[in-house]
Amino acid sequence: MTKKISSLEDLGGFVFSTNKDFEFNTESEQEETLSAGQQKLEAHLDKKNRGGKVATIIKGFVGNDDDLKTLAKQLKTLCGVGGSAKDGEIIIQGNFRDKIMDFLTKEGYKIKRVGG
């Protein structure tokens, strides 16, 4: 199966220009992480494409990847299960939505339940 290319970022940031004065900016811009009180997260339960197994998905995180991975590690440790973090989403194996919502609320995040 080949990976679908939906944007230029999927090509690895390659830029082609016929402009002789073009300067490639090598500085990567770090996305600034919003404080916990400014984050508006959503807690989902998902079974699709997981072989019937349930996963808790936290969507809406705004910030850099390091902070996302740090929060994901805290949630995985809290629940004692595995998971992953990428593209502003945290995926936790199993149905831990209520436990995660309680933890994030105590940490100061604004989180709402989405779906059943």
C-alpha atoms as a PDB file:
ATOM      1  CA  MET A   1       0.000   0.000   0.000  1.00  0.00           C
ATOM      2  CA  THR A   2       1.392   3.399  -0.921  1.00  0.00           C
ATOM      3  CA  LYS A   3       1.108   6.452   1.261  1.00  0.00           C
ATOM      4  CA  LYS A   4      -1.278   9.085  -0.004  1.00  0.00           C
ATOM      5  CA  ILE A   5       0.330  12.508  -0.516  1.00  0.00           C
ATOM      6  CA  SER A   6      -2.096  15.246   0.448  1.00  0.00           C
ATOM      7  CA  SER A   7       0.206  18.250   0.865  1.00  0.00           C
ATOM      8  CA  LEU A   8       3.734  19.457   0.191  1.00  0.00           C
ATOM      9  CA  GLU A   9       4.655  18.730   3.811  1.00  0.00           C
ATOM     10  CA  ASP A  10       4.170  15.030   3.051  1.00  0.00           C
ATOM     11  CA  LEU A  11       7.080  15.315   0.603  1.00  0.00           C
ATOM     12  CA  GLY A  12       9.443  16.269   3.430  1.00  0.00           C
ATOM     13  CA  GLY A  13       9.501  20.025   2.983  1.00  0.00           C
ATOM     14  CA  PHE A  14      11.094  19.960  -0.479  1.00  0.00           C
ATOM     15  CA  VAL A  15      10.845  23.340  -2.213  1.00  0.00           C
ATOM     16  CA  PHE A  16      11.488  24.047  -5.898  1.00  0.00           C
ATOM     17  CA  SER A  17      11.673  27.616  -7.115  1.00  0.00           C
ATOM     18  CA  THR A  18      12.778  29.314 -10.305  1.00  0.00           C
ATOM     19  CA  ASN A  19      13.359  32.527  -8.345  1.00  0.00           C
ATOM     20  CA  LYS A  20      17.122  33.153  -8.194  1.00  0.00           C
ATOM     21  CA  ASP A  21      16.741  35.324  -5.081  1.00  0.00           C
ATOM     22  CA  PHE A  22      14.858  32.656  -3.110  1.00  0.00           C
ATOM     23  CA  GLU A  23      16.427  31.832   0.263  1.00  0.00           C
ATOM     24  CA  PHE A  24      15.473  28.598   1.949  1.00  0.00           C
ATOM     25  CA  ASN A  25      14.632  29.136   5.606  1.00  0.00           C
ATOM     26  CA  THR A  26      16.268  26.311   7.560  1.00  0.00           C
ATOM     27  CA  GLU A  27      14.974  27.481  10.939  1.00  0.00           C
ATOM     28  CA  SER A  28      12.118  25.297  12.085  1.00  0.00           C
ATOM     29  CA  GLU A  29       9.342  27.201  13.747  1.00  0.00           C
ATOM     30  CA  GLN A  30       8.326  25.599  17.013  1.00  0.00           C
ATOM     31  CA  GLU A  31       4.619  25.822  17.605  1.00  0.00           C
ATOM     32  CA  GLU A  32       4.030  27.488  20.945  1.00  0.00           C
ATOM     33  CA  THR A  33       2.157  25.341  23.438  1.00  0.00           C
ATOM     34  CA  LEU A  34      -0.921  26.940  24.930  1.00  0.00           C
ATOM     35  CA  SER A  35      -1.295  26.848  28.704  1.00  0.00           C
ATOM     36  CA  ALA A  36      -3.526  24.174  30.205  1.00  0.00           C
ATOM     37  CA  GLY A  37      -6.343  26.653  30.815  1.00  0.00           C
ATOM     38  CA  GLN A  38      -6.393  27.705  27.155  1.00  0.00           C
ATOM     39  CA  GLN A  39      -6.458  24.163  25.747  1.00  0.00           C
ATOM     40  CA  LYS A  40      -9.860  22.911  24.572  1.00  0.00           C
ATOM     41  CA  LEU A  41      -9.598  19.138  24.384  1.00  0.00           C
ATOM     42  CA  GLU A  42     -12.121  16.512  23.323  1.00  0.00           C
ATOM     43  CA  ALA A  43     -12.319  12.959  24.701  1.00  0.00           C
ATOM     44  CA  HIS A  44     -13.494  10.344  22.184  1.00  0.00           C
ATOM     45  CA  LEU A  45     -13.951   6.583  22.281  1.00  0.00           C
ATOM     46  CA  ASP A  46     -13.099   4.761  19.079  1.00  0.00           C
ATOM     47  CA  LYS A  47     -13.373   1.165  17.838  1.00  0.00           C
ATOM     48  CA  LYS A  48     -12.901   1.694  14.118  1.00  0.00           C
ATOM     49  CA  ASN A  49      -9.908   0.060  12.428  1.00  0.00           C
ATOM     50  CA  ARG A  50      -8.730  -1.442  15.709  1.00  0.00           C
ATOM     51  CA  GLY A  51      -9.982  -5.005  15.419  1.00  0.00           C
ATOM     52  CA  GLY A  52     -12.943  -4.338  17.727  1.00  0.00           C
ATOM     53  CA  LYS A  53     -10.744  -3.028  20.533  1.00  0.00           C
ATOM     54  CA  VAL A  54     -11.599   0.281  22.178  1.00  0.00           C
ATOM     55  CA  ALA A  55      -9.232   3.241  22.312  1.00  0.00           C
ATOM     56  CA  THR A  56      -9.582   6.578  24.089  1.00  0.00           C
ATOM     57  CA  ILE A  57      -8.581   9.479  21.850  1.00  0.00           C
ATOM     58  CA  ILE A  58      -7.818  12.977  23.126  1.00  0.00           C
ATOM     59  CA  LYS A  59      -8.060  15.538  20.307  1.00  0.00           C
ATOM     60  CA  GLY A  60      -7.436  19.254  20.037  1.00  0.00           C
ATOM     61  CA  PHE A  61      -4.018  19.665  21.697  1.00  0.00           C
ATOM     62  CA  VAL A  62      -2.299  22.829  20.482  1.00  0.00           C
ATOM     63  CA  GLY A  63       1.458  22.884  20.971  1.00  0.00           C
ATOM     64  CA  ASN A  64       4.755  21.353  20.053  1.00  0.00           C
ATOM     65  CA  ASP A  65       5.355  17.619  19.756  1.00  0.00           C
ATOM     66  CA  ASP A  66       7.532  17.398  22.887  1.00  0.00           C
ATOM     67  CA  ASP A  67       4.746  18.725  25.115  1.00  0.00           C
ATOM     68  CA  LEU A  68       2.231  16.439  23.400  1.00  0.00           C
ATOM     69  CA  LYS A  69       4.435  13.399  24.028  1.00  0.00           C
ATOM     70  CA  THR A  70       4.993  14.443  27.649  1.00  0.00           C
ATOM     71  CA  LEU A  71       1.240  14.668  28.268  1.00  0.00           C
ATOM     72  CA  ALA A  72       0.709  11.337  26.488  1.00  0.00           C
ATOM     73  CA  LYS A  73       3.318   9.698  28.715  1.00  0.00           C
ATOM     74  CA  GLN A  74       1.564  11.017  31.825  1.00  0.00           C
ATOM     75  CA  LEU A  75      -1.764   9.612  30.614  1.00  0.00           C
ATOM     76  CA  LYS A  76      -0.271   6.237  29.666  1.00  0.00           C
ATOM     77  CA  THR A  77       1.376   5.990  33.090  1.00  0.00           C
ATOM     78  CA  LEU A  78      -1.865   6.992  34.835  1.00  0.00           C
ATOM     79  CA  CYS A  79      -3.826   4.273  33.040  1.00  0.00           C
ATOM     80  CA  GLY A  80      -1.039   1.682  32.959  1.00  0.00           C
ATOM     81  CA  VAL A  81      -1.468   0.992  29.252  1.00  0.00           C
ATOM     82  CA  GLY A  82       0.174   1.783  25.941  1.00  0.00           C
ATOM     83  CA  GLY A  83      -0.661   4.421  23.420  1.00  0.00           C
ATOM     84  CA  SER A  84       0.754   6.971  21.021  1.00  0.00           C
ATOM     85  CA  ALA A  85       0.821  10.694  20.316  1.00  0.00           C
ATOM     86  CA  LYS A  86       0.952  12.396  16.938  1.00  0.00           C
ATOM     87  CA  ASP A  87      -0.733  15.135  14.932  1.00  0.00           C
ATOM     88  CA  GLY A  88      -2.273  16.779  18.010  1.00  0.00           C
ATOM     89  CA  GLU A  89      -3.960  13.528  19.120  1.00  0.00           C
ATOM     90  CA  ILE A  90      -3.238  11.203  22.001  1.00  0.00           C
ATOM     91  CA  ILE A  91      -4.407   7.605  21.605  1.00  0.00           C
ATOM     92  CA  ILE A  92      -4.679   5.512  24.771  1.00  0.00           C
ATOM     93  CA  GLN A  93      -5.457   1.798  24.534  1.00  0.00           C
ATOM     94  CA  GLY A  94      -8.695   0.895  26.304  1.00  0.00           C
ATOM     95  CA  ASN A  95     -11.706   2.731  27.704  1.00  0.00           C
ATOM     96  CA  PHE A  96     -10.207   5.202  30.192  1.00  0.00           C
ATOM     97  CA  ARG A  97     -12.149   8.290  29.119  1.00  0.00           C
ATOM     98  CA  ASP A  98     -13.583   9.130  32.573  1.00  0.00           C
ATOM     99  CA  LYS A  99     -10.273   8.603  34.362  1.00  0.00           C
ATOM    100  CA  ILE A 100      -8.409  10.731  31.795  1.00  0.00           C
ATOM    101  CA  MET A 101     -11.049  13.477  31.900  1.00  0.00           C
ATOM    102  CA  ASP A 102     -10.792  13.673  35.714  1.00  0.00           C
ATOM    103  CA  PHE A 103      -6.987  13.878  35.538  1.00  0.00           C
ATOM    104  CA  LEU A 104      -6.959  16.553  32.827  1.00  0.00           C
ATOM    105  CA  THR A 105      -9.597  18.623  34.643  1.00  0.00           C
ATOM    106  CA  LYS A 106      -7.451  18.587  37.809  1.00  0.00           C
ATOM    107  CA  GLU A 107      -4.463  19.689  35.699  1.00  0.00           C
ATOM    108  CA  GLY A 108      -6.488  22.694  34.488  1.00  0.00           C
ATOM    109  CA  TYR A 109      -7.406  21.592  30.967  1.00  0.00           C
ATOM    110  CA  LYS A 110     -10.852  22.286  29.500  1.00  0.00           C
ATOM    111  CA  ILE A 111     -12.076  18.932  28.241  1.00  0.00           C
ATOM    112  CA  LYS A 112     -15.441  17.750  26.977  1.00  0.00           C
ATOM    113  CA  ARG A 113     -16.857  14.317  26.281  1.00  0.00           C
ATOM    114  CA  VAL A 114     -17.688  13.647  22.641  1.00  0.00           C
ATOM    115  CA  GLY A 115     -19.836  10.717  21.559  1.00  0.00           C
ATOM    116  CA  GLY A 116     -21.551   7.982  23.576  1.00  0.00           C
END
